[in-house]
């Protein structure tokens, strides 16, 4: 009903960390009596957590490079910022790497869209 639609917006605000205290009270009151919305929130949280875990696993920070003792701190910082995880200078990185990141981004967006469609019930998964 209308309350479930409002609850979905409030759930989104809660996930974004933007839920007001009044919104939290309304959402908690609704969620106490609506299993559909409680399940919806659990599925969204699980999907979010899986996406974050996958992203973090894929983009783990690189170990800092060893810097010669005579290098200045500013020069060392610049080398660490501009080097890729395999320490290849930016000018020598293949252009294919950029295409891979674009493809990865598109795939992540497609997964998010599919999850939203399943969670909202627009697609039924047996």
C-alpha atoms as a PDB file:
ATOM      1  CA  UNK A   1       0.000   0.000   0.000  1.00  0.00           C
ATOM      2  CA  UNK A   2       0.910   3.661   0.269  1.00  0.00           C
ATOM      3  CA  UNK A   3       2.781   3.104   3.500  1.00  0.00           C
ATOM      4  CA  UNK A   4       5.007   0.470   1.920  1.00  0.00           C
ATOM      5  CA  UNK A   5       5.990   2.933  -0.811  1.00  0.00           C
ATOM      6  CA  UNK A   6       6.880   5.535   1.832  1.00  0.00           C
ATOM      7  CA  UNK A   7       8.770   2.880   3.783  1.00  0.00           C
ATOM      8  CA  UNK A   8      10.867   2.046   0.702  1.00  0.00           C
ATOM      9  CA  UNK A   9      11.974   5.692   0.468  1.00  0.00           C
ATOM     10  CA  UNK A  10      12.735   5.747   4.193  1.00  0.00           C
ATOM     11  CA  UNK A  11      14.711   2.484   3.881  1.00  0.00           C
ATOM     12  CA  UNK A  12      16.760   4.101   1.128  1.00  0.00           C
ATOM     13  CA  UNK A  13      17.375   7.118   3.355  1.00  0.00           C
ATOM     14  CA  UNK A  14      18.457   4.798   6.189  1.00  0.00           C
ATOM     15  CA  UNK A  15      20.917   2.991   3.894  1.00  0.00           C
ATOM     16  CA  UNK A  16      22.301   6.369   2.777  1.00  0.00           C
ATOM     17  CA  UNK A  17      22.627   7.535   6.386  1.00  0.00           C
ATOM     18  CA  UNK A  18      20.163  10.372   5.723  1.00  0.00           C
ATOM     19  CA  UNK A  19      17.187   9.200   7.805  1.00  0.00           C
ATOM     20  CA  UNK A  20      15.841  11.812  10.209  1.00  0.00           C
ATOM     21  CA  UNK A  21      14.827  10.822  13.750  1.00  0.00           C
ATOM     22  CA  UNK A  22      11.142  11.314  12.838  1.00  0.00           C
ATOM     23  CA  UNK A  23      11.595   9.185   9.723  1.00  0.00           C
ATOM     24  CA  UNK A  24      13.341   6.506  11.782  1.00  0.00           C
ATOM     25  CA  UNK A  25      10.421   6.382  14.227  1.00  0.00           C
ATOM     26  CA  UNK A  26       7.867   6.108  11.380  1.00  0.00           C
ATOM     27  CA  UNK A  27       9.887   3.444   9.599  1.00  0.00           C
ATOM     28  CA  UNK A  28      10.446   1.375  12.746  1.00  0.00           C
ATOM     29  CA  UNK A  29       6.733   1.498  13.542  1.00  0.00           C
ATOM     30  CA  UNK A  30       5.836   0.313  10.037  1.00  0.00           C
ATOM     31  CA  UNK A  31       8.556  -2.348   9.900  1.00  0.00           C
ATOM     32  CA  UNK A  32       7.312  -3.861  13.163  1.00  0.00           C
ATOM     33  CA  UNK A  33       4.094  -4.881  11.448  1.00  0.00           C
ATOM     34  CA  UNK A  34       5.116  -5.351   7.806  1.00  0.00           C
ATOM     35  CA  UNK A  35       7.149  -8.445   7.026  1.00  0.00           C
ATOM     36  CA  UNK A  36       7.267  -7.489   3.331  1.00  0.00           C
ATOM     37  CA  UNK A  37       9.141  -4.248   4.061  1.00  0.00           C
ATOM     38  CA  UNK A  38      11.384  -5.891   6.663  1.00  0.00           C
ATOM     39  CA  UNK A  39      12.346  -8.551   4.103  1.00  0.00           C
ATOM     40  CA  UNK A  40      12.881  -5.848   1.470  1.00  0.00           C
ATOM     41  CA  UNK A  41      15.305  -4.005   3.771  1.00  0.00           C
ATOM     42  CA  UNK A  42      17.208  -7.207   4.641  1.00  0.00           C
ATOM     43  CA  UNK A  43      17.646  -8.046   0.933  1.00  0.00           C
ATOM     44  CA  UNK A  44      18.849  -4.530   0.130  1.00  0.00           C
ATOM     45  CA  UNK A  45      21.355  -4.629   2.986  1.00  0.00           C
ATOM     46  CA  UNK A  46      22.631  -8.051   1.850  1.00  0.00           C
ATOM     47  CA  UNK A  47      22.961  -6.852  -1.765  1.00  0.00           C
ATOM     48  CA  UNK A  48      24.751  -3.685  -0.630  1.00  0.00           C
ATOM     49  CA  UNK A  49      27.136  -5.659   1.573  1.00  0.00           C
ATOM     50  CA  UNK A  50      27.965  -8.077  -1.271  1.00  0.00           C
ATOM     51  CA  UNK A  51      28.668  -5.208  -3.659  1.00  0.00           C
ATOM     52  CA  UNK A  52      30.888  -3.439  -1.132  1.00  0.00           C
ATOM     53  CA  UNK A  53      32.796  -6.650  -0.331  1.00  0.00           C
ATOM     54  CA  UNK A  54      33.329  -7.325  -4.045  1.00  0.00           C
ATOM     55  CA  UNK A  55      34.488  -3.785  -4.679  1.00  0.00           C
ATOM     56  CA  UNK A  56      36.893  -3.822  -1.740  1.00  0.00           C
ATOM     57  CA  UNK A  57      38.307  -7.196  -2.767  1.00  0.00           C
ATOM     58  CA  UNK A  58      38.845  -5.932  -6.317  1.00  0.00           C
ATOM     59  CA  UNK A  59      40.315  -2.582  -5.270  1.00  0.00           C
ATOM     60  CA  UNK A  60      42.505  -3.508  -2.310  1.00  0.00           C
ATOM     61  CA  UNK A  61      45.090  -0.793  -1.693  1.00  0.00           C
ATOM     62  CA  UNK A  62      48.533  -1.470  -3.099  1.00  0.00           C
ATOM     63  CA  UNK A  63      51.500  -1.812  -0.810  1.00  0.00           C
ATOM     64  CA  UNK A  64      53.611   1.359  -0.705  1.00  0.00           C
ATOM     65  CA  UNK A  65      56.665   1.370  -2.961  1.00  0.00           C
ATOM     66  CA  UNK A  66      60.126   1.431  -1.517  1.00  0.00           C
ATOM     67  CA  UNK A  67      61.632   4.904  -1.974  1.00  0.00           C
ATOM     68  CA  UNK A  68      65.369   5.641  -2.108  1.00  0.00           C
ATOM     69  CA  UNK A  69      66.655   7.405   0.999  1.00  0.00           C
ATOM     70  CA  UNK A  70      67.778  10.439  -1.012  1.00  0.00           C
ATOM     71  CA  UNK A  71      64.265  11.067  -2.418  1.00  0.00           C
ATOM     72  CA  UNK A  72      62.259  13.913  -0.937  1.00  0.00           C
ATOM     73  CA  UNK A  73      58.959  13.121   0.832  1.00  0.00           C
ATOM     74  CA  UNK A  74      57.042  15.073  -1.847  1.00  0.00           C
ATOM     75  CA  UNK A  75      58.653  13.087  -4.660  1.00  0.00           C
ATOM     76  CA  UNK A  76      57.932   9.804  -2.887  1.00  0.00           C
ATOM     77  CA  UNK A  77      54.298  10.798  -2.377  1.00  0.00           C
ATOM     78  CA  UNK A  78      53.938  11.770  -6.043  1.00  0.00           C
ATOM     79  CA  UNK A  79      55.349   8.402  -7.162  1.00  0.00           C
ATOM     80  CA  UNK A  80      52.941   6.523  -4.861  1.00  0.00           C
ATOM     81  CA  UNK A  81      49.935   8.515  -6.137  1.00  0.00           C
ATOM     82  CA  UNK A  82      50.745   8.118  -9.844  1.00  0.00           C
ATOM     83  CA  UNK A  83      51.827   4.470  -9.786  1.00  0.00           C
ATOM     84  CA  UNK A  84      49.369   1.695 -10.471  1.00  0.00           C
ATOM     85  CA  UNK A  85      49.114  -1.343  -8.145  1.00  0.00           C
ATOM     86  CA  UNK A  86      51.719  -3.120 -10.304  1.00  0.00           C
ATOM     87  CA  UNK A  87      53.880   0.053 -10.184  1.00  0.00           C
ATOM     88  CA  UNK A  88      53.622   0.760 -13.905  1.00  0.00           C
ATOM     89  CA  UNK A  89      53.959   4.493 -14.630  1.00  0.00           C
ATOM     90  CA  UNK A  90      50.708   6.013 -15.988  1.00  0.00           C
ATOM     91  CA  UNK A  91      52.190   6.690 -19.449  1.00  0.00           C
ATOM     92  CA  UNK A  92      53.075   2.995 -19.852  1.00  0.00           C
ATOM     93  CA  UNK A  93      49.711   1.525 -18.781  1.00  0.00           C
ATOM     94  CA  UNK A  94      47.803  -0.133 -21.616  1.00  0.00           C
ATOM     95  CA  UNK A  95      44.630   1.541 -22.850  1.00  0.00           C
ATOM     96  CA  UNK A  96      42.884  -1.805 -22.481  1.00  0.00           C
ATOM     97  CA  UNK A  97      43.013  -1.339 -18.697  1.00  0.00           C
ATOM     98  CA  UNK A  98      40.660   1.654 -18.980  1.00  0.00           C
ATOM     99  CA  UNK A  99      38.229  -0.344 -21.107  1.00  0.00           C
ATOM    100  CA  UNK A 100      38.257  -3.122 -18.513  1.00  0.00           C
ATOM    101  CA  UNK A 101      37.301  -0.670 -15.762  1.00  0.00           C
ATOM    102  CA  UNK A 102      34.468   0.721 -17.890  1.00  0.00           C
ATOM    103  CA  UNK A 103      33.203  -2.807 -18.557  1.00  0.00           C
ATOM    104  CA  UNK A 104      33.449  -3.668 -14.877  1.00  0.00           C
ATOM    105  CA  UNK A 105      31.469  -0.547 -13.982  1.00  0.00           C
ATOM    106  CA  UNK A 106      28.747  -1.410 -16.463  1.00  0.00           C
ATOM    107  CA  UNK A 107      28.549  -4.959 -15.088  1.00  0.00           C
ATOM    108  CA  UNK A 108      28.222  -3.661 -11.514  1.00  0.00           C
ATOM    109  CA  UNK A 109      25.421  -1.307 -12.571  1.00  0.00           C
ATOM    110  CA  UNK A 110      23.630  -4.167 -14.345  1.00  0.00           C
ATOM    111  CA  UNK A 111      23.827  -6.326 -11.201  1.00  0.00           C
ATOM    112  CA  UNK A 112      22.478  -3.481  -9.071  1.00  0.00           C
ATOM    113  CA  UNK A 113      19.599  -2.944 -11.516  1.00  0.00           C
ATOM    114  CA  UNK A 114      18.776  -6.668 -11.472  1.00  0.00           C
ATOM    115  CA  UNK A 115      18.811  -6.769  -7.675  1.00  0.00           C
ATOM    116  CA  UNK A 116      16.493  -3.763  -7.494  1.00  0.00           C
ATOM    117  CA  UNK A 117      14.095  -5.348  -9.998  1.00  0.00           C
ATOM    118  CA  UNK A 118      14.025  -8.621  -8.062  1.00  0.00           C
ATOM    119  CA  UNK A 119      13.639  -6.920  -4.686  1.00  0.00           C
ATOM    120  CA  UNK A 120      10.829  -4.660  -5.914  1.00  0.00           C
ATOM    121  CA  UNK A 121       9.035  -7.651  -7.407  1.00  0.00           C
ATOM    122  CA  UNK A 122       9.159  -6.480 -11.031  1.00  0.00           C
ATOM    123  CA  UNK A 123      11.031  -9.685 -11.886  1.00  0.00           C
ATOM    124  CA  UNK A 124      10.050 -12.956 -10.264  1.00  0.00           C
ATOM    125  CA  UNK A 125      12.834 -15.429  -9.537  1.00  0.00           C
ATOM    126  CA  UNK A 126      11.604 -18.959  -8.878  1.00  0.00           C
END
